[in-house]
Amino acid sequence: MVNKFDLRNVASSWIRMHHAETNSDEYEEEFWSFERLDDLCRNNPDDAWRVIVEIYEKCPGDKIQSCLAAGPLEDLLVKHGRLVLTWIDRYCEIESGFVGILKMVWQNSMPDDLWGEFQRLIALRS
């Protein structure tokens, strides 16, 4: 488990990277956070989820939300499906606006049954 300070640093850097112009110096300086969050999505779903929530809560803008949905959130669902569905459902109970991000997630390589459960969760929380 990574400490909260490090997770906040990953979230802040990831946001800065997505606001920077692609291939700019700032983008390149912050790219480590993309790699770190990708690694967390694969190997440490608890911490990846914490970073996703931190990003969502820090930066509710459309650009960041779409990058979050079609990036780490989608990856986390693909790799750790049902576990993540539980977290999403609980979070949507207290943060109904998060459903907007869910609607931007693509099926990718999620199995059809998981995708169906995800779609039902969206419908329930919308």
N, C-alpha and C. Protein backbone atom coordinates (compact mmCIF):
# COMPACT_ATOMS: atom_id res chain seq x y z
N MET A 1 0.84 -1.17 0.00
CA MET A 1 0.00 0.00 0.00
C MET A 1 0.88 1.24 0.00
N VAL A 2 0.51 2.20 -0.80
CA VAL A 2 1.24 3.46 -0.93
C VAL A 2 0.61 4.46 0.04
N ASN A 3 1.43 5.35 0.62
CA ASN A 3 0.86 6.31 1.56
C ASN A 3 0.04 7.38 0.84
N LYS A 4 -0.85 8.03 1.59
CA LYS A 4 -1.79 9.00 1.02
C LYS A 4 -1.07 10.15 0.33
N PHE A 5 0.04 10.60 0.89
CA PHE A 5 0.79 11.69 0.29
C PHE A 5 1.27 11.32 -1.10
N ASP A 6 1.81 10.12 -1.25
CA ASP A 6 2.28 9.68 -2.56
C ASP A 6 1.13 9.55 -3.55
N LEU A 7 -0.01 9.04 -3.09
CA LEU A 7 -1.17 8.92 -3.98
C LEU A 7 -1.67 10.29 -4.43
N ARG A 8 -1.64 11.25 -3.53
CA ARG A 8 -2.04 12.62 -3.90
C ARG A 8 -1.07 13.20 -4.92
N ASN A 9 0.22 12.92 -4.76
CA ASN A 9 1.21 13.39 -5.73
C ASN A 9 0.97 12.78 -7.10
N VAL A 10 0.64 11.49 -7.15
CA VAL A 10 0.34 10.84 -8.42
C VAL A 10 -0.87 11.52 -9.06
N ALA A 11 -1.92 11.75 -8.28
CA ALA A 11 -3.14 12.37 -8.80
C ALA A 11 -2.85 13.78 -9.32
N SER A 12 -2.15 14.59 -8.55
CA SER A 12 -1.85 15.97 -8.96
C SER A 12 -1.01 16.01 -10.23
N SER A 13 -0.01 15.15 -10.28
CA SER A 13 0.85 15.10 -11.46
C SER A 13 0.08 14.62 -12.68
N TRP A 14 -0.77 13.63 -12.51
CA TRP A 14 -1.58 13.09 -13.61
C TRP A 14 -2.48 14.19 -14.18
N ILE A 15 -3.07 15.00 -13.31
CA ILE A 15 -3.91 16.11 -13.75
C ILE A 15 -3.08 17.13 -14.52
N ARG A 16 -1.93 17.50 -13.98
CA ARG A 16 -1.06 18.47 -14.68
C ARG A 16 -0.65 17.94 -16.05
N MET A 17 -0.32 16.66 -16.12
CA MET A 17 0.08 16.07 -17.40
C MET A 17 -1.05 16.20 -18.42
N HIS A 18 -2.28 15.94 -18.00
CA HIS A 18 -3.40 15.99 -18.93
C HIS A 18 -3.81 17.42 -19.31
N HIS A 19 -3.40 18.38 -18.51
CA HIS A 19 -3.63 19.78 -18.88
C HIS A 19 -2.52 20.34 -19.77
N ALA A 20 -1.39 19.69 -19.75
CA ALA A 20 -0.24 20.16 -20.53
C ALA A 20 -0.41 19.78 -22.01
N GLU A 21 0.25 20.53 -22.85
CA GLU A 21 0.26 20.20 -24.27
C GLU A 21 1.08 18.92 -24.48
N THR A 22 0.52 18.02 -25.28
CA THR A 22 1.20 16.75 -25.54
C THR A 22 2.61 16.99 -26.06
N ASN A 23 3.55 16.25 -25.53
CA ASN A 23 4.98 16.33 -25.89
C ASN A 23 5.68 17.60 -25.43
N SER A 24 5.01 18.43 -24.64
CA SER A 24 5.67 19.61 -24.09
C SER A 24 6.59 19.17 -22.95
N ASP A 25 7.45 20.07 -22.49
CA ASP A 25 8.33 19.75 -21.37
C ASP A 25 7.52 19.38 -20.13
N GLU A 26 6.44 20.13 -19.87
CA GLU A 26 5.62 19.84 -18.69
C GLU A 26 4.98 18.45 -18.81
N TYR A 27 4.48 18.14 -19.99
CA TYR A 27 3.87 16.82 -20.22
C TYR A 27 4.89 15.71 -19.93
N GLU A 28 6.08 15.87 -20.47
CA GLU A 28 7.13 14.87 -20.27
C GLU A 28 7.54 14.77 -18.80
N GLU A 29 7.60 15.91 -18.10
CA GLU A 29 7.97 15.91 -16.68
C GLU A 29 6.95 15.19 -15.81
N GLU A 30 5.69 15.25 -16.21
CA GLU A 30 4.62 14.66 -15.41
C GLU A 30 4.23 13.25 -15.88
N PHE A 31 4.83 12.77 -16.95
CA PHE A 31 4.44 11.48 -17.52
C PHE A 31 4.65 10.31 -16.55
N TRP A 32 5.54 10.47 -15.61
CA TRP A 32 5.78 9.42 -14.62
C TRP A 32 4.48 9.01 -13.93
N SER A 33 3.57 9.99 -13.73
CA SER A 33 2.32 9.70 -13.02
C SER A 33 1.41 8.81 -13.85
N PHE A 34 1.44 8.96 -15.15
CA PHE A 34 0.69 8.07 -16.03
C PHE A 34 1.19 6.64 -15.86
N GLU A 35 2.50 6.48 -15.90
CA GLU A 35 3.10 5.15 -15.74
C GLU A 35 2.81 4.57 -14.36
N ARG A 36 2.88 5.42 -13.34
CA ARG A 36 2.64 4.95 -11.97
C ARG A 36 1.19 4.51 -11.79
N LEU A 37 0.25 5.29 -12.30
CA LEU A 37 -1.16 4.92 -12.17
C LEU A 37 -1.46 3.67 -12.99
N ASP A 38 -0.85 3.55 -14.14
CA ASP A 38 -1.02 2.34 -14.94
C ASP A 38 -0.53 1.11 -14.16
N ASP A 39 0.60 1.23 -13.51
CA ASP A 39 1.13 0.14 -12.70
C ASP A 39 0.19 -0.18 -11.53
N LEU A 40 -0.33 0.84 -10.89
CA LEU A 40 -1.27 0.61 -9.80
C LEU A 40 -2.53 -0.10 -10.29
N CYS A 41 -3.02 0.28 -11.46
CA CYS A 41 -4.21 -0.37 -12.02
C CYS A 41 -3.98 -1.86 -12.24
N ARG A 42 -2.78 -2.21 -12.63
CA ARG A 42 -2.46 -3.62 -12.86
C ARG A 42 -2.22 -4.38 -11.56
N ASN A 43 -1.48 -3.76 -10.65
CA ASN A 43 -0.94 -4.50 -9.51
C ASN A 43 -1.46 -4.12 -8.13
N ASN A 44 -2.10 -2.99 -8.01
CA ASN A 44 -2.56 -2.54 -6.70
C ASN A 44 -3.89 -1.80 -6.87
N PRO A 45 -4.97 -2.55 -7.09
CA PRO A 45 -6.26 -1.92 -7.39
C PRO A 45 -6.78 -1.00 -6.29
N ASP A 46 -6.51 -1.31 -5.03
CA ASP A 46 -6.96 -0.44 -3.93
C ASP A 46 -6.38 0.96 -4.09
N ASP A 47 -5.08 1.04 -4.28
CA ASP A 47 -4.44 2.35 -4.42
C ASP A 47 -4.82 3.02 -5.73
N ALA A 48 -4.97 2.26 -6.79
CA ALA A 48 -5.41 2.84 -8.06
C ALA A 48 -6.77 3.49 -7.89
N TRP A 49 -7.67 2.82 -7.20
CA TRP A 49 -9.00 3.38 -6.96
C TRP A 49 -8.90 4.68 -6.17
N ARG A 50 -8.04 4.70 -5.15
CA ARG A 50 -7.86 5.92 -4.35
C ARG A 50 -7.36 7.08 -5.21
N VAL A 51 -6.45 6.80 -6.14
CA VAL A 51 -5.94 7.86 -7.02
C VAL A 51 -7.06 8.33 -7.96
N ILE A 52 -7.84 7.42 -8.49
CA ILE A 52 -8.95 7.80 -9.38
C ILE A 52 -9.93 8.71 -8.66
N VAL A 53 -10.29 8.36 -7.44
CA VAL A 53 -11.21 9.20 -6.66
C VAL A 53 -10.57 10.56 -6.37
N GLU A 54 -9.30 10.56 -6.04
CA GLU A 54 -8.58 11.81 -5.77
C GLU A 54 -8.59 12.71 -7.02
N ILE A 55 -8.33 12.15 -8.17
CA ILE A 55 -8.35 12.93 -9.42
C ILE A 55 -9.75 13.48 -9.65
N TYR A 56 -10.75 12.64 -9.51
CA TYR A 56 -12.13 13.07 -9.71
C TYR A 56 -12.49 14.23 -8.77
N GLU A 57 -12.12 14.10 -7.53
CA GLU A 57 -12.49 15.12 -6.55
C GLU A 57 -11.69 16.41 -6.70
N LYS A 58 -10.46 16.30 -7.21
CA LYS A 58 -9.62 17.50 -7.39
C LYS A 58 -9.97 18.28 -8.65
N CYS A 59 -10.41 17.58 -9.68
CA CYS A 59 -10.51 18.21 -10.99
C CYS A 59 -11.74 17.69 -11.74
N PRO A 60 -12.89 18.29 -11.50
CA PRO A 60 -14.12 17.78 -12.11
C PRO A 60 -14.34 18.20 -13.57
N GLY A 61 -13.37 18.79 -14.23
CA GLY A 61 -13.55 19.25 -15.61
C GLY A 61 -13.76 18.12 -16.60
N ASP A 62 -14.44 18.43 -17.70
CA ASP A 62 -14.79 17.43 -18.71
C ASP A 62 -13.56 16.73 -19.29
N LYS A 63 -12.49 17.47 -19.59
CA LYS A 63 -11.31 16.85 -20.20
C LYS A 63 -10.71 15.80 -19.27
N ILE A 64 -10.54 16.16 -18.02
CA ILE A 64 -9.95 15.23 -17.06
C ILE A 64 -10.87 14.05 -16.84
N GLN A 65 -12.17 14.30 -16.73
CA GLN A 65 -13.11 13.20 -16.51
C GLN A 65 -13.11 12.22 -17.68
N SER A 66 -13.05 12.71 -18.90
CA SER A 66 -13.05 11.79 -20.04
C SER A 66 -11.74 11.00 -20.09
N CYS A 67 -10.62 11.64 -19.75
CA CYS A 67 -9.33 10.92 -19.70
C CYS A 67 -9.34 9.88 -18.58
N LEU A 68 -9.97 10.21 -17.47
CA LEU A 68 -10.07 9.29 -16.35
C LEU A 68 -10.92 8.08 -16.71
N ALA A 69 -12.04 8.33 -17.38
CA ALA A 69 -12.97 7.25 -17.75
C ALA A 69 -12.36 6.30 -18.77
N ALA A 70 -11.80 6.85 -19.82
CA ALA A 70 -11.28 6.03 -20.92
C ALA A 70 -9.85 5.58 -20.67
N GLY A 71 -9.34 5.87 -19.50
CA GLY A 71 -7.98 5.49 -19.14
C GLY A 71 -7.97 4.60 -17.92
N PRO A 72 -7.57 5.15 -16.77
CA PRO A 72 -7.37 4.30 -15.60
C PRO A 72 -8.64 3.61 -15.08
N LEU A 73 -9.78 4.29 -15.14
CA LEU A 73 -11.00 3.63 -14.64
C LEU A 73 -11.35 2.43 -15.50
N GLU A 74 -11.28 2.62 -16.81
CA GLU A 74 -11.55 1.50 -17.73
C GLU A 74 -10.54 0.37 -17.52
N ASP A 75 -9.28 0.72 -17.38
CA ASP A 75 -8.23 -0.29 -17.16
C ASP A 75 -8.47 -1.05 -15.86
N LEU A 76 -8.85 -0.33 -14.82
CA LEU A 76 -9.10 -0.96 -13.53
C LEU A 76 -10.27 -1.94 -13.63
N LEU A 77 -11.30 -1.55 -14.34
CA LEU A 77 -12.45 -2.44 -14.53
C LEU A 77 -12.06 -3.68 -15.33
N VAL A 78 -11.26 -3.50 -16.36
CA VAL A 78 -10.83 -4.63 -17.18
C VAL A 78 -10.03 -5.62 -16.33
N LYS A 79 -9.17 -5.11 -15.48
CA LYS A 79 -8.25 -5.98 -14.74
C LYS A 79 -8.81 -6.52 -13.43
N HIS A 80 -9.74 -5.77 -12.82
CA HIS A 80 -10.22 -6.15 -11.49
C HIS A 80 -11.74 -5.96 -11.37
N GLY A 81 -12.45 -6.24 -12.43
CA GLY A 81 -13.88 -6.02 -12.60
C GLY A 81 -14.79 -5.97 -11.41
N ARG A 82 -15.17 -7.10 -10.89
CA ARG A 82 -16.22 -7.14 -9.86
C ARG A 82 -15.81 -6.43 -8.58
N LEU A 83 -14.57 -6.52 -8.22
CA LEU A 83 -14.08 -5.79 -7.05
C LEU A 83 -14.31 -4.29 -7.24
N VAL A 84 -13.96 -3.80 -8.40
CA VAL A 84 -14.09 -2.37 -8.69
C VAL A 84 -15.56 -1.97 -8.78
N LEU A 85 -16.41 -2.84 -9.32
CA LEU A 85 -17.84 -2.53 -9.37
C LEU A 85 -18.40 -2.27 -7.98
N THR A 86 -17.95 -3.03 -7.01
CA THR A 86 -18.39 -2.83 -5.62
C THR A 86 -17.99 -1.45 -5.14
N TRP A 87 -16.75 -1.06 -5.39
CA TRP A 87 -16.27 0.26 -4.96
C TRP A 87 -17.04 1.37 -5.67
N ILE A 88 -17.26 1.20 -6.96
CA ILE A 88 -17.98 2.21 -7.74
C ILE A 88 -19.39 2.38 -7.19
N ASP A 89 -20.06 1.27 -6.93
CA ASP A 89 -21.43 1.33 -6.42
C ASP A 89 -21.47 2.08 -5.09
N ARG A 90 -20.56 1.76 -4.19
CA ARG A 90 -20.52 2.45 -2.89
C ARG A 90 -20.22 3.95 -3.05
N TYR A 91 -19.29 4.26 -3.95
CA TYR A 91 -18.92 5.67 -4.14
C TYR A 91 -20.07 6.45 -4.75
N CYS A 92 -20.80 5.85 -5.66
CA CYS A 92 -21.93 6.54 -6.28
C CYS A 92 -23.05 6.82 -5.29
N GLU A 93 -23.12 6.06 -4.21
CA GLU A 93 -24.10 6.33 -3.16
C GLU A 93 -23.87 7.69 -2.53
N ILE A 94 -22.61 8.09 -2.40
CA ILE A 94 -22.30 9.37 -1.76
C ILE A 94 -21.93 10.46 -2.78
N GLU A 95 -21.58 10.05 -3.99
CA GLU A 95 -21.17 11.01 -5.03
C GLU A 95 -21.88 10.66 -6.33
N SER A 96 -23.12 11.12 -6.46
CA SER A 96 -23.93 10.76 -7.62
C SER A 96 -23.36 11.30 -8.93
N GLY A 97 -22.58 12.35 -8.87
CA GLY A 97 -21.99 12.92 -10.09
C GLY A 97 -20.99 12.00 -10.76
N PHE A 98 -20.49 11.03 -10.03
CA PHE A 98 -19.50 10.10 -10.59
C PHE A 98 -20.10 9.25 -11.70
N VAL A 99 -21.42 9.14 -11.72
CA VAL A 99 -22.10 8.37 -12.78
C VAL A 99 -21.77 8.95 -14.15
N GLY A 100 -21.57 10.26 -14.24
CA GLY A 100 -21.21 10.89 -15.51
C GLY A 100 -19.92 10.33 -16.09
N ILE A 101 -18.97 10.04 -15.23
CA ILE A 101 -17.71 9.43 -15.68
C ILE A 101 -17.96 7.99 -16.14
N LEU A 102 -18.79 7.28 -15.42
CA LEU A 102 -19.07 5.89 -15.78
C LEU A 102 -19.63 5.78 -17.19
N LYS A 103 -20.41 6.75 -17.58
CA LYS A 103 -21.03 6.73 -18.91
C LYS A 103 -20.02 6.91 -20.03
N MET A 104 -18.81 7.35 -19.69
CA MET A 104 -17.76 7.55 -20.69
C MET A 104 -16.82 6.35 -20.82
N VAL A 105 -17.00 5.34 -19.98
CA VAL A 105 -16.16 4.14 -20.03
C VAL A 105 -16.60 3.26 -21.19
N TRP A 106 -15.64 2.71 -21.91
CA TRP A 106 -15.91 1.78 -23.02
C TRP A 106 -15.74 0.36 -22.51
N GLN A 107 -16.34 -0.57 -23.21
CA GLN A 107 -16.27 -1.98 -22.80
C GLN A 107 -14.85 -2.51 -22.87
N ASN A 108 -14.11 -2.11 -23.88
CA ASN A 108 -12.74 -2.58 -24.04
C ASN A 108 -12.76 -4.10 -24.02
N SER A 109 -11.93 -4.73 -23.19
CA SER A 109 -11.89 -6.19 -23.15
C SER A 109 -12.62 -6.76 -21.93
N MET A 110 -13.55 -5.98 -21.36
CA MET A 110 -14.36 -6.50 -20.27
C MET A 110 -15.25 -7.62 -20.80
N PRO A 111 -15.38 -8.70 -20.07
CA PRO A 111 -16.31 -9.76 -20.49
C PRO A 111 -17.73 -9.20 -20.56
N ASP A 112 -18.54 -9.76 -21.43
CA ASP A 112 -19.90 -9.27 -21.63
C ASP A 112 -20.72 -9.28 -20.34
N ASP A 113 -20.56 -10.30 -19.50
CA ASP A 113 -21.35 -10.34 -18.27
C ASP A 113 -20.95 -9.21 -17.32
N LEU A 114 -19.67 -8.89 -17.23
CA LEU A 114 -19.22 -7.78 -16.40
C LEU A 114 -19.71 -6.45 -16.98
N TRP A 115 -19.62 -6.31 -18.29
CA TRP A 115 -20.11 -5.10 -18.96
C TRP A 115 -21.60 -4.92 -18.68
N GLY A 116 -22.36 -6.00 -18.71
CA GLY A 116 -23.79 -5.93 -18.41
C GLY A 116 -24.04 -5.47 -16.98
N GLU A 117 -23.28 -6.00 -16.04
CA GLU A 117 -23.41 -5.56 -14.64
C GLU A 117 -23.06 -4.08 -14.50
N PHE A 118 -22.02 -3.67 -15.20
CA PHE A 118 -21.60 -2.27 -15.17
C PHE A 118 -22.70 -1.37 -15.73
N GLN A 119 -23.31 -1.77 -16.84
CA GLN A 119 -24.40 -0.99 -17.43
C GLN A 119 -25.61 -0.93 -16.50
N ARG A 120 -25.91 -2.03 -15.83
CA ARG A 120 -27.03 -2.04 -14.86
C ARG A 120 -26.74 -1.10 -13.69
N LEU A 121 -25.49 -1.08 -13.24
CA LEU A 121 -25.11 -0.17 -12.16
C LEU A 121 -25.31 1.28 -12.60
N ILE A 122 -24.91 1.60 -13.81
CA ILE A 122 -25.10 2.96 -14.33
C ILE A 122 -26.58 3.31 -14.36
N ALA A 123 -27.39 2.40 -14.87
CA ALA A 123 -28.84 2.65 -14.97
C ALA A 123 -29.44 2.84 -13.57
N LEU A 124 -29.02 2.04 -12.62
CA LEU A 124 -29.52 2.13 -11.26
C LEU A 124 -29.16 3.46 -10.62
N ARG A 125 -27.95 3.93 -10.87
CA ARG A 125 -27.45 5.14 -10.23
C ARG A 125 -27.76 6.43 -10.99
N SER A 126 -28.29 6.31 -12.20
CA SER A 126 -28.60 7.50 -13.03
C SER A 126 -29.90 8.14 -12.61
